[in-house]
Amino acid sequence: MSIHRIIFLFIVILFSNSCKKTLHIDSPNFDKTAAYTNVRQQVNFGPRVPGSDGHLACKDWLVSQFKSAGAEVIEQGFTANTFDGKSLPAFNIIASFNKSSKYRIVLAAHWDTRPFSDYDPDTSFYHKPILGADDGASGVAVLLEVAKAIQSKPLKKYGVDIVLFDAEDYGNDKDNTERSIYTWCLGAQHWSKNPHIPGYKADYGVLLDMVGAKDARFTKEAVSMQYAPKVVEKVWTIAKAEGFSNFFSDELTGGLTDDHSFVNAIANIPMIDIINRPATTKTGFPHHWHTQKDDLNAIEPLTLHAVGTVIIKLLYLEDVDKI
């Protein structure tokens, strides 16, 4: 037997053992029906643009949901100074579990919605805010169910901080200069400079953005690969072991300005982005992105299930490794 064959068999055995460990880890199940209900509830508040009644009502509901799941919740208020000259009240929502643990993972999504339908085929909708069922209620919905899973079976060693960033989607998409980057992800920028606990650190983070569409395609995005390649590989290995390779693609795609960009660059916490990058659209995002089509019809519970299951498996595998 050649040395190359021995090495190959060794790799196969390692991967096989990893898969077996993933499949048999004692972790809670993810409730895709409840996750879909979470999306619907957020959409029922209407657009969640900072400064709107729907935004405030949804914020109160999210806080109550996390508290009912046993989390310690902080509402981090700040002023979102937008590119079009507005100063809007905004809130990052931080829900923490096992706060005394020094081993921490950050799970994040944005909970606001875009105030413009600037990619809608009907240009008359340009100044109409989107419902944001996928962008970003889907990520929030998954994390609400992850919180309930942690409540049902508390982690022994790891602490988890779920951070819902506000004012992510109030950016200037018509300015291609470098300064326009900072018009996006205002909540992530604020939290990265002013964490909810002074000196806060985490082992790593995972951002969920647009994780609810049918036939979603989550690629290995360049910023994630630059700052946290080991986390990407860890998550994608779990996804394959769980049978979700149809969602989690090995394709490398370009870097994005998203909440994780600022968490990586400012907070120095390695964070990856699980985000839908279809191969068949001109924008590189789903057809409903930043349009009036981003409603409940855009959501597929099986996609929520895939992402939620992978995140739960990740947490409980990490917890076992620390024991």
Protein backbone atom coordinates (compact mmCIF):
# COMPACT_ATOMS: atom_id res chain seq x y z
CA MET A 1 0.00 0.00 0.00
CA SER A 2 1.42 3.39 -0.96
CA ILE A 3 1.92 6.22 1.52
CA HIS A 4 -0.63 8.27 -0.44
CA ARG A 5 -3.29 5.59 0.03
CA ILE A 6 -2.54 5.36 3.75
CA ILE A 7 -2.94 9.12 4.11
CA PHE A 8 -6.18 9.03 2.11
CA LEU A 9 -7.65 6.27 4.30
CA PHE A 10 -6.62 8.16 7.43
CA ILE A 11 -8.48 11.25 6.21
CA VAL A 12 -11.56 9.18 5.37
CA ILE A 13 -11.56 7.62 8.85
CA LEU A 14 -11.22 11.01 10.52
CA PHE A 15 -14.07 12.47 8.48
CA SER A 16 -16.22 9.40 9.11
CA ASN A 17 -15.67 9.63 12.87
CA SER A 18 -16.50 13.35 12.74
CA CYS A 19 -19.75 12.60 10.93
CA LYS A 20 -20.69 9.88 13.41
CA LYS A 21 -20.03 12.21 16.32
CA THR A 22 -22.17 14.89 14.68
CA LEU A 23 -25.07 12.57 13.97
CA HIS A 24 -25.15 11.04 17.44
CA ILE A 25 -24.57 14.11 19.59
CA ASP A 26 -27.30 14.52 22.20
CA SER A 27 -28.84 17.82 21.18
CA PRO A 28 -32.37 19.24 20.99
CA ASN A 29 -34.33 19.08 17.75
CA PHE A 30 -35.03 22.23 15.76
CA ASP A 31 -38.72 23.13 15.37
CA LYS A 32 -39.15 24.39 11.80
CA THR A 33 -42.88 24.96 12.25
CA ALA A 34 -42.27 27.24 15.21
CA ALA A 35 -39.51 29.01 13.28
CA TYR A 36 -41.90 29.69 10.41
CA THR A 37 -44.41 31.05 12.92
CA ASN A 38 -41.67 33.37 14.21
CA VAL A 39 -41.19 34.72 10.70
CA ARG A 40 -44.92 35.26 10.30
CA GLN A 41 -45.18 37.08 13.62
CA GLN A 42 -42.42 39.51 12.63
CA VAL A 43 -44.03 40.14 9.25
CA ASN A 44 -47.33 40.81 11.01
CA PHE A 45 -45.73 43.86 12.63
CA GLY A 46 -45.18 45.25 9.14
CA PRO A 47 -41.85 46.76 8.06
CA ARG A 48 -39.44 47.12 11.01
CA VAL A 49 -37.69 50.30 9.92
CA PRO A 50 -36.11 52.20 12.84
CA GLY A 51 -38.41 54.97 14.00
CA SER A 52 -41.63 53.17 12.98
CA ASP A 53 -44.39 51.80 15.21
CA GLY A 54 -43.84 48.31 13.81
CA HIS A 55 -40.18 48.51 14.75
CA LEU A 56 -40.93 49.31 18.40
CA ALA A 57 -43.70 46.70 18.67
CA CYS A 58 -41.46 44.02 17.22
CA LYS A 59 -38.62 44.98 19.54
CA ASP A 60 -40.82 44.50 22.59
CA TRP A 61 -42.03 41.14 21.26
CA LEU A 62 -38.49 39.92 20.60
CA VAL A 63 -37.35 40.90 24.08
CA SER A 64 -40.31 39.08 25.62
CA GLN A 65 -39.60 35.95 23.56
CA PHE A 66 -35.99 35.78 24.66
CA LYS A 67 -36.89 36.38 28.29
CA SER A 68 -39.49 33.62 28.15
CA ALA A 69 -36.71 31.33 26.84
CA GLY A 70 -34.69 32.05 29.99
CA ALA A 71 -32.17 34.48 28.53
CA GLU A 72 -30.78 37.56 30.23
CA VAL A 73 -31.69 40.36 27.83
CA ILE A 74 -30.10 43.74 27.22
CA GLU A 75 -31.62 46.42 24.99
CA GLN A 76 -28.68 48.43 23.70
CA GLY A 77 -30.13 51.71 22.52
CA PHE A 78 -28.25 53.98 20.12
CA THR A 79 -28.94 56.64 17.50
CA ALA A 80 -28.77 55.47 13.90
CA ASN A 81 -27.44 58.38 11.85
CA THR A 82 -28.45 57.40 8.34
CA PHE A 83 -26.90 58.34 5.02
CA ASP A 84 -29.95 60.46 4.12
CA GLY A 85 -29.57 62.71 7.16
CA LYS A 86 -31.97 61.09 9.64
CA SER A 87 -31.28 60.37 13.30
CA LEU A 88 -33.39 57.37 14.28
CA PRO A 89 -33.83 55.49 17.57
CA ALA A 90 -32.34 52.01 17.21
CA PHE A 91 -31.79 49.03 19.49
CA ASN A 92 -29.46 46.06 19.44
CA ILE A 93 -31.01 43.18 21.37
CA ILE A 94 -28.61 40.89 23.24
CA ALA A 95 -29.90 37.63 24.77
CA SER A 96 -27.33 35.76 26.85
CA PHE A 97 -27.17 32.23 28.21
CA ASN A 98 -24.71 30.93 30.80
CA LYS A 99 -23.20 34.38 31.34
CA SER A 100 -20.61 33.13 33.83
CA SER A 101 -18.82 30.96 31.26
CA LYS A 102 -15.59 32.27 29.76
CA TYR A 103 -16.16 30.14 26.66
CA ARG A 104 -18.58 32.06 24.43
CA ILE A 105 -20.11 31.90 20.98
CA VAL A 106 -21.95 34.81 19.34
CA LEU A 107 -24.95 34.08 17.13
CA ALA A 108 -26.28 37.07 15.22
CA ALA A 109 -28.86 38.33 12.74
CA HIS A 110 -30.35 41.72 11.91
CA TRP A 111 -33.95 42.40 12.86
CA ASP A 112 -34.66 45.66 11.01
CA THR A 113 -35.97 45.88 7.44
CA ARG A 114 -34.98 48.04 4.49
CA PRO A 115 -36.90 51.33 4.08
CA PHE A 116 -36.63 51.14 0.27
CA SER A 117 -37.68 48.60 -2.35
CA ASP A 118 -34.85 49.79 -4.55
CA TYR A 119 -34.52 46.52 -6.50
CA ASP A 120 -38.22 46.04 -7.18
CA PRO A 121 -39.07 45.74 -10.89
CA ASP A 122 -41.84 48.26 -10.23
CA THR A 123 -39.93 51.50 -9.66
CA SER A 124 -43.01 53.11 -8.10
CA PHE A 125 -42.23 51.02 -4.99
CA TYR A 126 -38.78 52.55 -4.53
CA HIS A 127 -39.73 54.48 -1.38
CA LYS A 128 -41.88 51.69 0.05
CA PRO A 129 -40.29 49.69 2.90
CA ILE A 130 -40.03 45.90 2.59
CA LEU A 131 -41.63 43.32 4.87
CA GLY A 132 -38.34 41.46 5.12
CA ALA A 133 -39.61 37.93 5.72
CA ASP A 134 -36.27 36.59 4.55
CA ASP A 135 -34.15 39.72 5.04
CA GLY A 136 -33.87 39.52 8.05
CA ALA A 137 -36.86 37.86 9.84
CA SER A 138 -35.63 34.41 8.80
CA GLY A 139 -32.36 34.67 10.72
CA VAL A 140 -34.13 36.08 13.76
CA ALA A 141 -36.71 33.28 13.61
CA VAL A 142 -34.00 30.62 13.63
CA LEU A 143 -32.23 32.21 16.59
CA LEU A 144 -35.44 32.42 18.60
CA GLU A 145 -35.80 28.65 18.24
CA VAL A 146 -32.12 28.12 19.07
CA ALA A 147 -32.77 30.05 22.29
CA LYS A 148 -35.64 27.70 23.14
CA ALA A 149 -33.42 24.71 22.41
CA ILE A 150 -30.79 25.99 24.83
CA GLN A 151 -33.50 26.50 27.45
CA SER A 152 -34.70 22.91 27.01
CA LYS A 153 -31.19 21.48 27.38
CA PRO A 154 -28.76 23.97 28.95
CA LEU A 155 -25.20 23.95 27.71
CA LYS A 156 -22.72 22.81 30.36
CA LYS A 157 -19.58 24.72 29.46
CA TYR A 158 -20.34 27.18 26.70
CA GLY A 159 -22.12 30.50 27.00
CA VAL A 160 -24.08 31.86 24.05
CA ASP A 161 -24.85 35.48 23.22
CA ILE A 162 -27.53 36.01 20.62
CA VAL A 163 -27.16 39.50 19.18
CA LEU A 164 -29.88 40.98 16.98
CA PHE A 165 -28.38 43.96 15.20
CA ASP A 166 -30.53 46.94 14.30
CA ALA A 167 -30.21 49.41 11.40
CA GLU A 168 -28.34 46.92 9.24
CA ASP A 169 -30.34 47.59 6.10
CA TYR A 170 -30.46 51.42 5.99
CA GLY A 171 -27.44 51.72 3.70
CA ASN A 172 -26.71 53.72 0.57
CA ASP A 173 -26.72 51.29 -2.34
CA LYS A 174 -26.29 54.02 -4.96
CA ASP A 175 -22.87 55.18 -3.79
CA ASN A 176 -19.97 52.97 -4.83
CA THR A 177 -17.32 54.82 -2.85
CA GLU A 178 -15.54 53.23 0.09
CA ARG A 179 -17.29 55.57 2.54
CA SER A 180 -20.66 54.06 1.59
CA ILE A 181 -19.62 50.84 3.33
CA TYR A 182 -20.12 52.59 6.66
CA THR A 183 -23.73 53.54 5.86
CA TRP A 184 -24.64 49.86 6.36
CA CYS A 185 -24.75 47.70 9.49
CA LEU A 186 -25.02 50.62 11.92
CA GLY A 187 -26.01 48.37 14.81
CA ALA A 188 -23.08 46.01 14.25
CA GLN A 189 -20.70 48.95 14.07
CA HIS A 190 -22.08 50.33 17.34
CA TRP A 191 -21.92 46.98 19.17
CA SER A 192 -18.43 46.22 17.86
CA LYS A 193 -17.18 49.54 19.28
CA ASN A 194 -19.36 49.36 22.41
CA PRO A 195 -19.95 45.71 23.36
CA HIS A 196 -22.71 45.03 25.88
CA ILE A 197 -20.01 44.00 28.36
CA PRO A 198 -16.76 46.03 28.44
CA GLY A 199 -13.90 43.95 27.10
CA TYR A 200 -16.27 41.31 25.80
CA LYS A 201 -14.68 38.48 23.82
CA ALA A 202 -15.99 35.31 22.23
CA ASP A 203 -14.32 32.32 20.62
CA TYR A 204 -16.16 33.06 17.38
CA GLY A 205 -19.48 34.08 15.90
CA VAL A 206 -21.99 33.01 13.24
CA LEU A 207 -24.19 35.52 11.40
CA LEU A 208 -27.45 34.41 9.76
CA ASP A 209 -28.77 36.58 6.93
CA MET A 210 -31.46 35.54 4.44
CA VAL A 211 -31.64 31.91 5.56
CA GLY A 212 -35.27 31.12 4.77
CA ALA A 213 -35.75 30.89 1.00
CA LYS A 214 -36.55 27.75 -0.97
CA ASP A 215 -33.44 26.20 -2.57
CA ALA A 216 -31.15 28.59 -0.69
CA ARG A 217 -27.45 28.29 -1.51
CA PHE A 218 -25.02 29.15 1.27
CA THR A 219 -21.53 29.64 -0.12
CA LYS A 220 -18.14 30.11 1.48
CA GLU A 221 -18.09 33.90 1.46
CA ALA A 222 -14.70 35.63 1.19
CA VAL A 223 -14.78 37.75 4.38
CA SER A 224 -15.77 34.66 6.37
CA MET A 225 -12.92 32.71 4.80
CA GLN A 226 -10.46 35.54 5.45
CA TYR A 227 -11.20 35.93 9.15
CA ALA A 228 -12.65 32.58 10.26
CA PRO A 229 -11.86 29.75 7.79
CA LYS A 230 -11.81 27.12 10.53
CA VAL A 231 -15.32 28.11 11.62
CA VAL A 232 -16.54 27.89 8.03
CA GLU A 233 -15.13 24.39 7.66
CA LYS A 234 -16.56 23.34 11.01
CA VAL A 235 -20.06 24.51 10.09
CA TRP A 236 -19.94 23.09 6.56
CA THR A 237 -18.71 19.72 7.85
CA ILE A 238 -21.68 19.54 10.21
CA ALA A 239 -24.05 20.51 7.40
CA LYS A 240 -22.73 17.71 5.19
CA ALA A 241 -22.94 15.17 8.00
CA GLU A 242 -26.56 16.18 8.58
CA GLY A 243 -27.42 15.77 4.90
CA PHE A 244 -27.67 19.45 4.01
CA SER A 245 -25.07 19.63 1.25
CA ASN A 246 -27.84 20.81 -1.07
CA PHE A 247 -27.92 24.04 0.94
CA PHE A 248 -24.28 24.42 1.99
CA SER A 249 -22.13 24.77 -1.12
CA ASP A 250 -18.34 24.50 -1.21
CA GLU A 251 -18.16 27.29 -3.77
CA LEU A 252 -16.08 30.32 -2.82
CA THR A 253 -17.83 33.64 -3.47
CA GLY A 254 -16.83 37.29 -3.11
CA GLY A 255 -16.77 39.23 0.14
CA LEU A 256 -19.81 41.09 1.42
CA THR A 257 -20.36 44.15 3.56
CA ASP A 258 -22.54 42.61 6.25
CA ASP A 259 -22.70 42.70 10.03
CA HIS A 260 -19.87 40.16 10.31
CA SER A 261 -17.52 42.51 8.43
CA PHE A 262 -17.51 44.96 11.34
CA VAL A 263 -17.52 42.31 14.07
CA ASN A 264 -14.38 40.88 12.47
CA ALA A 265 -12.62 44.16 11.77
CA ILE A 266 -13.58 46.17 14.86
CA ALA A 267 -14.45 43.70 17.64
CA ASN A 268 -11.75 41.22 16.54
CA ILE A 269 -14.16 38.32 16.95
CA PRO A 270 -13.90 35.86 14.05
CA MET A 271 -17.40 35.65 12.58
CA ILE A 272 -18.75 33.91 9.51
CA ASP A 273 -21.80 34.76 7.43
CA ILE A 274 -24.35 32.13 6.43
CA ILE A 275 -26.12 33.97 3.63
CA ASN A 276 -28.03 32.94 0.52
CA ARG A 277 -26.02 33.54 -2.67
CA PRO A 278 -27.96 32.14 -5.65
CA ALA A 279 -25.97 31.43 -8.78
CA THR A 280 -28.76 32.46 -11.16
CA THR A 281 -29.52 36.10 -10.25
CA LYS A 282 -27.86 39.28 -11.49
CA THR A 283 -27.55 40.71 -7.98
CA GLY A 284 -26.13 37.54 -6.46
CA PHE A 285 -28.99 37.59 -3.96
CA PRO A 286 -32.48 36.02 -4.08
CA HIS A 287 -34.99 37.45 -6.56
CA HIS A 288 -37.05 38.88 -3.69
CA TRP A 289 -34.09 40.79 -2.22
CA HIS A 290 -35.01 44.43 -1.50
CA THR A 291 -38.36 44.06 -3.26
CA GLN A 292 -42.00 43.82 -2.25
CA LYS A 293 -41.75 40.07 -2.91
CA ASP A 294 -39.85 39.56 0.34
CA ASP A 295 -42.97 38.34 2.12
CA LEU A 296 -44.10 35.02 3.61
CA ASN A 297 -44.26 33.47 0.16
CA ALA A 298 -40.46 33.71 0.06
CA ILE A 299 -40.05 31.42 3.07
CA GLU A 300 -39.53 27.65 3.04
CA PRO A 301 -39.58 25.93 6.48
CA LEU A 302 -37.19 23.21 5.28
CA THR A 303 -34.48 25.82 4.78
CA LEU A 304 -35.04 27.20 8.26
CA HIS A 305 -34.79 23.62 9.51
CA ALA A 306 -31.45 23.02 7.79
CA VAL A 307 -29.85 26.16 9.20
CA GLY A 308 -31.33 25.78 12.67
CA THR A 309 -30.28 22.14 12.93
CA VAL A 310 -26.70 22.96 11.92
CA ILE A 311 -26.45 25.77 14.49
CA ILE A 312 -27.80 23.60 17.29
CA LYS A 313 -25.45 20.74 16.40
CA LEU A 314 -22.55 23.20 16.36
CA LEU A 315 -23.30 24.46 19.87
CA TYR A 316 -23.66 21.03 21.44
CA LEU A 317 -20.61 19.61 19.69
CA GLU A 318 -18.56 22.50 21.03
CA ASP A 319 -19.98 21.94 24.50
CA VAL A 320 -18.98 18.26 24.45
CA ASP A 321 -15.47 19.18 23.32
CA LYS A 322 -15.05 21.47 26.34
CA ILE A 323 -16.15 18.88 28.92
